[in-house]
């Protein structure tokens, strides 16, 4: 139950898909309510990998 509550909190604090996609692909800044999420994301171990995985989805 604790794990489910943690996942629910994480998804509530996650930016909407359109904002998240712009952040990943275009490297744009997120609005202020998501700054804590952005800080956690950038300081994470997998940040370089996840940022580069979004590049193939850039329309040519």
PDB file of N, CA and C in Angstrom:
ATOM      1  N   UNK A   1       0.823  -1.184   0.000  1.00  0.00           N
ATOM      2  CA  UNK A   1       0.000   0.000   0.000  1.00  0.00           C
ATOM      3  C   UNK A   1       0.877   1.262   0.000  1.00  0.00           C
ATOM      4  N   UNK A   2       1.966   1.228   0.723  1.00  0.00           N
ATOM      5  CA  UNK A   2       2.864   2.374   0.784  1.00  0.00           C
ATOM      6  C   UNK A   2       3.478   2.663  -0.582  1.00  0.00           C
ATOM      7  N   UNK A   3       3.802   1.609  -1.308  1.00  0.00           N
ATOM      8  CA  UNK A   3       4.386   1.784  -2.640  1.00  0.00           C
ATOM      9  C   UNK A   3       3.368   2.442  -3.574  1.00  0.00           C
ATOM     10  N   UNK A   4       2.118   2.008  -3.509  1.00  0.00           N
ATOM     11  CA  UNK A   4       1.079   2.603  -4.354  1.00  0.00           C
ATOM     12  C   UNK A   4       0.873   4.072  -4.032  1.00  0.00           C
ATOM     13  N   UNK A   5       0.911   4.415  -2.768  1.00  0.00           N
ATOM     14  CA  UNK A   5       0.763   5.818  -2.373  1.00  0.00           C
ATOM     15  C   UNK A   5       1.942   6.644  -2.888  1.00  0.00           C
ATOM     16  N   UNK A   6       3.135   6.089  -2.855  1.00  0.00           N
ATOM     17  CA  UNK A   6       4.311   6.785  -3.378  1.00  0.00           C
ATOM     18  C   UNK A   6       4.208   7.015  -4.876  1.00  0.00           C
ATOM     19  N   UNK A   7       3.752   6.002  -5.609  1.00  0.00           N
ATOM     20  CA  UNK A   7       3.577   6.162  -7.060  1.00  0.00           C
ATOM     21  C   UNK A   7       2.507   7.187  -7.368  1.00  0.00           C
ATOM     22  N   UNK A   8       1.417   7.184  -6.607  1.00  0.00           N
ATOM     23  CA  UNK A   8       0.343   8.154  -6.833  1.00  0.00           C
ATOM     24  C   UNK A   8       0.850   9.574  -6.612  1.00  0.00           C
ATOM     25  N   UNK A   9       1.636   9.766  -5.580  1.00  0.00           N
ATOM     26  CA  UNK A   9       2.197  11.094  -5.317  1.00  0.00           C
ATOM     27  C   UNK A   9       3.131  11.511  -6.445  1.00  0.00           C
ATOM     28  N   UNK A  10       3.934  10.591  -6.899  1.00  0.00           N
ATOM     29  CA  UNK A  10       4.879  10.909  -7.979  1.00  0.00           C
ATOM     30  C   UNK A  10       4.136  11.325  -9.250  1.00  0.00           C
ATOM     31  N   UNK A  11       3.053  10.637  -9.589  1.00  0.00           N
ATOM     32  CA  UNK A  11       2.308  10.994 -10.792  1.00  0.00           C
ATOM     33  C   UNK A  11       1.540  12.299 -10.626  1.00  0.00           C
ATOM     34  N   UNK A  12       1.110  12.607  -9.410  1.00  0.00           N
ATOM     35  CA  UNK A  12       0.424  13.881  -9.174  1.00  0.00           C
ATOM     36  C   UNK A  12       1.373  15.053  -9.362  1.00  0.00           C
ATOM     37  N   UNK A  13       2.625  14.877  -9.003  1.00  0.00           N
ATOM     38  CA  UNK A  13       3.611  15.950  -9.109  1.00  0.00           C
ATOM     39  C   UNK A  13       4.268  16.001 -10.487  1.00  0.00           C
ATOM     40  N   UNK A  14       4.045  14.996 -11.306  1.00  0.00           N
ATOM     41  CA  UNK A  14       4.632  14.922 -12.643  1.00  0.00           C
ATOM     42  C   UNK A  14       3.915  15.905 -13.570  1.00  0.00           C
ATOM     43  N   UNK A  15       4.641  16.609 -14.433  1.00  0.00           N
ATOM     44  CA  UNK A  15       3.979  17.536 -15.368  1.00  0.00           C
ATOM     45  C   UNK A  15       3.109  16.785 -16.375  1.00  0.00           C
ATOM     46  N   UNK A  16       2.104  17.456 -16.938  1.00  0.00           N
ATOM     47  CA  UNK A  16       1.269  16.834 -17.970  1.00  0.00           C
ATOM     48  C   UNK A  16       2.118  16.400 -19.167  1.00  0.00           C
ATOM     49  N   UNK A  17       1.641  15.425 -19.939  1.00  0.00           N
ATOM     50  CA  UNK A  17       2.453  14.880 -21.047  1.00  0.00           C
ATOM     51  C   UNK A  17       2.941  15.920 -22.050  1.00  0.00           C
ATOM     52  N   UNK A  18       2.125  16.906 -22.390  1.00  0.00           N
ATOM     53  CA  UNK A  18       2.559  17.912 -23.367  1.00  0.00           C
ATOM     54  C   UNK A  18       3.719  18.751 -22.825  1.00  0.00           C
ATOM     55  N   UNK A  19       3.607  19.190 -21.579  1.00  0.00           N
ATOM     56  CA  UNK A  19       4.703  19.963 -20.975  1.00  0.00           C
ATOM     57  C   UNK A  19       5.944  19.108 -20.802  1.00  0.00           C
ATOM     58  N   UNK A  20       5.749  17.869 -20.394  1.00  0.00           N
ATOM     59  CA  UNK A  20       6.881  16.960 -20.199  1.00  0.00           C
ATOM     60  C   UNK A  20       7.602  16.726 -21.536  1.00  0.00           C
ATOM     61  N   UNK A  21       6.833  16.539 -22.616  1.00  0.00           N
ATOM     62  CA  UNK A  21       7.443  16.323 -23.926  1.00  0.00           C
ATOM     63  C   UNK A  21       8.234  17.526 -24.400  1.00  0.00           C
ATOM     64  N   UNK A  22       7.670  18.731 -24.204  1.00  0.00           N
ATOM     65  CA  UNK A  22       8.408  19.944 -24.584  1.00  0.00           C
ATOM     66  C   UNK A  22       9.685  20.075 -23.768  1.00  0.00           C
ATOM     67  N   UNK A  23       9.603  19.710 -22.488  1.00  0.00           N
ATOM     68  CA  UNK A  23      10.781  19.789 -21.617  1.00  0.00           C
ATOM     69  C   UNK A  23      11.859  18.826 -22.100  1.00  0.00           C
ATOM     70  N   UNK A  24      11.459  17.622 -22.452  1.00  0.00           N
ATOM     71  CA  UNK A  24      12.437  16.619 -22.883  1.00  0.00           C
ATOM     72  C   UNK A  24      13.015  16.915 -24.258  1.00  0.00           C
ATOM     73  N   UNK A  25      12.149  17.202 -25.217  1.00  0.00           N
ATOM     74  CA  UNK A  25      12.595  17.313 -26.607  1.00  0.00           C
ATOM     75  C   UNK A  25      13.172  18.687 -26.905  1.00  0.00           C
ATOM     76  N   UNK A  26      12.487  19.738 -26.476  1.00  0.00           N
ATOM     77  CA  UNK A  26      12.929  21.093 -26.801  1.00  0.00           C
ATOM     78  C   UNK A  26      13.771  21.734 -25.705  1.00  0.00           C
ATOM     79  N   UNK A  27      13.928  21.012 -24.605  1.00  0.00           N
ATOM     80  CA  UNK A  27      14.711  21.505 -23.457  1.00  0.00           C
ATOM     81  C   UNK A  27      14.126  22.801 -22.884  1.00  0.00           C
ATOM     82  N   UNK A  28      12.798  22.950 -22.935  1.00  0.00           N
ATOM     83  CA  UNK A  28      12.154  24.158 -22.417  1.00  0.00           C
ATOM     84  C   UNK A  28      11.990  24.067 -20.897  1.00  0.00           C
ATOM     85  N   UNK A  29      11.828  25.205 -20.271  1.00  0.00           N
ATOM     86  CA  UNK A  29      11.625  25.246 -18.822  1.00  0.00           C
ATOM     87  C   UNK A  29      10.172  24.928 -18.499  1.00  0.00           C
ATOM     88  N   UNK A  30       9.971  24.279 -17.375  1.00  0.00           N
ATOM     89  CA  UNK A  30       8.620  23.961 -16.921  1.00  0.00           C
ATOM     90  C   UNK A  30       8.087  25.086 -16.046  1.00  0.00           C
ATOM     91  N   UNK A  31       6.749  25.220 -15.948  1.00  0.00           N
ATOM     92  CA  UNK A  31       6.168  26.239 -15.066  1.00  0.00           C
ATOM     93  C   UNK A  31       6.558  26.014 -13.604  1.00  0.00           C
ATOM     94  N   UNK A  32       6.413  27.048 -12.812  1.00  0.00           N
ATOM     95  CA  UNK A  32       6.833  27.042 -11.420  1.00  0.00           C
ATOM     96  C   UNK A  32       6.298  25.866 -10.590  1.00  0.00           C
ATOM     97  N   UNK A  33       5.035  25.427 -10.748  1.00  0.00           N
ATOM     98  CA  UNK A  33       4.564  24.315  -9.902  1.00  0.00           C
ATOM     99  C   UNK A  33       5.352  23.019 -10.087  1.00  0.00           C
ATOM    100  N   UNK A  34       6.056  22.884 -11.204  1.00  0.00           N
ATOM    101  CA  UNK A  34       6.806  21.656 -11.469  1.00  0.00           C
ATOM    102  C   UNK A  34       8.308  21.815 -11.251  1.00  0.00           C
ATOM    103  N   UNK A  35       8.737  22.907 -10.676  1.00  0.00           N
ATOM    104  CA  UNK A  35      10.179  23.141 -10.476  1.00  0.00           C
ATOM    105  C   UNK A  35      10.800  22.112  -9.529  1.00  0.00           C
ATOM    106  N   UNK A  36      10.074  21.704  -8.492  1.00  0.00           N
ATOM    107  CA  UNK A  36      10.615  20.691  -7.573  1.00  0.00           C
ATOM    108  C   UNK A  36      10.803  19.364  -8.309  1.00  0.00           C
ATOM    109  N   UNK A  37       9.845  19.018  -9.160  1.00  0.00           N
ATOM    110  CA  UNK A  37       9.970  17.790  -9.935  1.00  0.00           C
ATOM    111  C   UNK A  37      11.174  17.882 -10.873  1.00  0.00           C
ATOM    112  N   UNK A  38      11.350  19.052 -11.504  1.00  0.00           N
ATOM    113  CA  UNK A  38      12.469  19.249 -12.416  1.00  0.00           C
ATOM    114  C   UNK A  38      13.799  19.108 -11.692  1.00  0.00           C
ATOM    115  N   UNK A  39      13.892  19.697 -10.504  1.00  0.00           N
ATOM    116  CA  UNK A  39      15.128  19.602  -9.736  1.00  0.00           C
ATOM    117  C   UNK A  39      15.435  18.143  -9.388  1.00  0.00           C
ATOM    118  N   UNK A  40      14.430  17.400  -8.951  1.00  0.00           N
ATOM    119  CA  UNK A  40      14.640  15.986  -8.641  1.00  0.00           C
ATOM    120  C   UNK A  40      15.042  15.210  -9.890  1.00  0.00           C
ATOM    121  N   UNK A  41      14.440  15.542 -11.012  1.00  0.00           N
ATOM    122  CA  UNK A  41      14.745  14.855 -12.263  1.00  0.00           C
ATOM    123  C   UNK A  41      16.184  15.117 -12.699  1.00  0.00           C
ATOM    124  N   UNK A  42      16.604  16.355 -12.657  1.00  0.00           N
ATOM    125  CA  UNK A  42      17.956  16.717 -13.102  1.00  0.00           C
ATOM    126  C   UNK A  42      19.024  16.130 -12.187  1.00  0.00           C
ATOM    127  N   UNK A  43      18.752  16.062 -10.910  1.00  0.00           N
ATOM    128  CA  UNK A  43      19.730  15.520  -9.964  1.00  0.00           C
ATOM    129  C   UNK A  43      19.737  13.994  -9.947  1.00  0.00           C
ATOM    130  N   UNK A  44      18.813  13.369 -10.666  1.00  0.00           N
ATOM    131  CA  UNK A  44      18.717  11.913 -10.671  1.00  0.00           C
ATOM    132  C   UNK A  44      19.842  11.248 -11.439  1.00  0.00           C
ATOM    133  N   UNK A  45      20.069  10.002 -11.133  1.00  0.00           N
ATOM    134  CA  UNK A  45      21.139   9.218 -11.745  1.00  0.00           C
ATOM    135  C   UNK A  45      20.904   8.993 -13.242  1.00  0.00           C
ATOM    136  N   UNK A  46      19.653   8.841 -13.654  1.00  0.00           N
ATOM    137  CA  UNK A  46      19.326   8.475 -15.023  1.00  0.00           C
ATOM    138  C   UNK A  46      19.048   9.675 -15.923  1.00  0.00           C
ATOM    139  N   UNK A  47      19.262  10.884 -15.458  1.00  0.00           N
ATOM    140  CA  UNK A  47      18.926  12.079 -16.238  1.00  0.00           C
ATOM    141  C   UNK A  47      19.607  12.120 -17.612  1.00  0.00           C
ATOM    142  N   UNK A  48      20.909  11.899 -17.736  1.00  0.00           N
ATOM    143  CA  UNK A  48      21.529  11.968 -19.076  1.00  0.00           C
ATOM    144  C   UNK A  48      20.925  10.943 -20.042  1.00  0.00           C
ATOM    145  N   UNK A  49      20.624   9.772 -19.554  1.00  0.00           N
ATOM    146  CA  UNK A  49      20.044   8.745 -20.406  1.00  0.00           C
ATOM    147  C   UNK A  49      18.634   9.122 -20.843  1.00  0.00           C
ATOM    148  N   UNK A  50      17.802   9.589 -19.919  1.00  0.00           N
ATOM    149  CA  UNK A  50      16.417   9.911 -20.277  1.00  0.00           C
ATOM    150  C   UNK A  50      16.337  11.136 -21.175  1.00  0.00           C
ATOM    151  N   UNK A  51      17.211  12.094 -21.027  1.00  0.00           N
ATOM    152  CA  UNK A  51      17.190  13.258 -21.914  1.00  0.00           C
ATOM    153  C   UNK A  51      17.565  12.851 -23.337  1.00  0.00           C
ATOM    154  N   UNK A  52      18.511  11.962 -23.489  1.00  0.00           N
ATOM    155  CA  UNK A  52      18.940  11.548 -24.825  1.00  0.00           C
ATOM    156  C   UNK A  52      17.986  10.545 -25.464  1.00  0.00           C
ATOM    157  N   UNK A  53      17.190   9.853 -24.671  1.00  0.00           N
ATOM    158  CA  UNK A  53      16.212   8.934 -25.244  1.00  0.00           C
ATOM    159  C   UNK A  53      15.072   9.675 -25.918  1.00  0.00           C
ATOM    160  N   UNK A  54      14.819  10.904 -25.546  1.00  0.00           N
ATOM    161  CA  UNK A  54      13.730  11.671 -26.136  1.00  0.00           C
ATOM    162  C   UNK A  54      14.118  12.227 -27.509  1.00  0.00           C
ATOM    163  N   UNK A  55      15.369  12.296 -27.839  1.00  0.00           N
ATOM    164  CA  UNK A  55      15.795  12.898 -29.109  1.00  0.00           C
ATOM    165  C   UNK A  55      15.267  12.186 -30.352  1.00  0.00           C
ATOM    166  N   UNK A  56      15.154  10.853 -30.383  1.00  0.00           N
ATOM    167  CA  UNK A  56      14.612  10.226 -31.595  1.00  0.00           C
ATOM    168  C   UNK A  56      13.167  10.618 -31.892  1.00  0.00           C
ATOM    169  N   UNK A  57      12.454  11.175 -30.934  1.00  0.00           N
ATOM    170  CA  UNK A  57      11.060  11.539 -31.138  1.00  0.00           C
ATOM    171  C   UNK A  57      10.889  12.951 -31.699  1.00  0.00           C
ATOM    172  N   UNK A  58      11.988  13.636 -31.972  1.00  0.00           N
ATOM    173  CA  UNK A  58      11.927  14.981 -32.560  1.00  0.00           C
ATOM    174  C   UNK A  58      11.527  14.813 -34.029  1.00  0.00           C
ATOM    175  N   UNK A  59      10.449  15.494 -34.448  1.00  0.00           N
ATOM    176  CA  UNK A  59      10.061  15.390 -35.870  1.00  0.00           C
ATOM    177  C   UNK A  59      11.124  16.001 -36.774  1.00  0.00           C
ATOM    178  N   UNK A  60      11.360  15.353 -37.861  1.00  0.00           N
ATOM    179  CA  UNK A  60      12.379  15.822 -38.810  1.00  0.00           C
ATOM    180  C   UNK A  60      11.822  16.883 -39.735  1.00  0.00           C
TER     181      UNK A  60
END
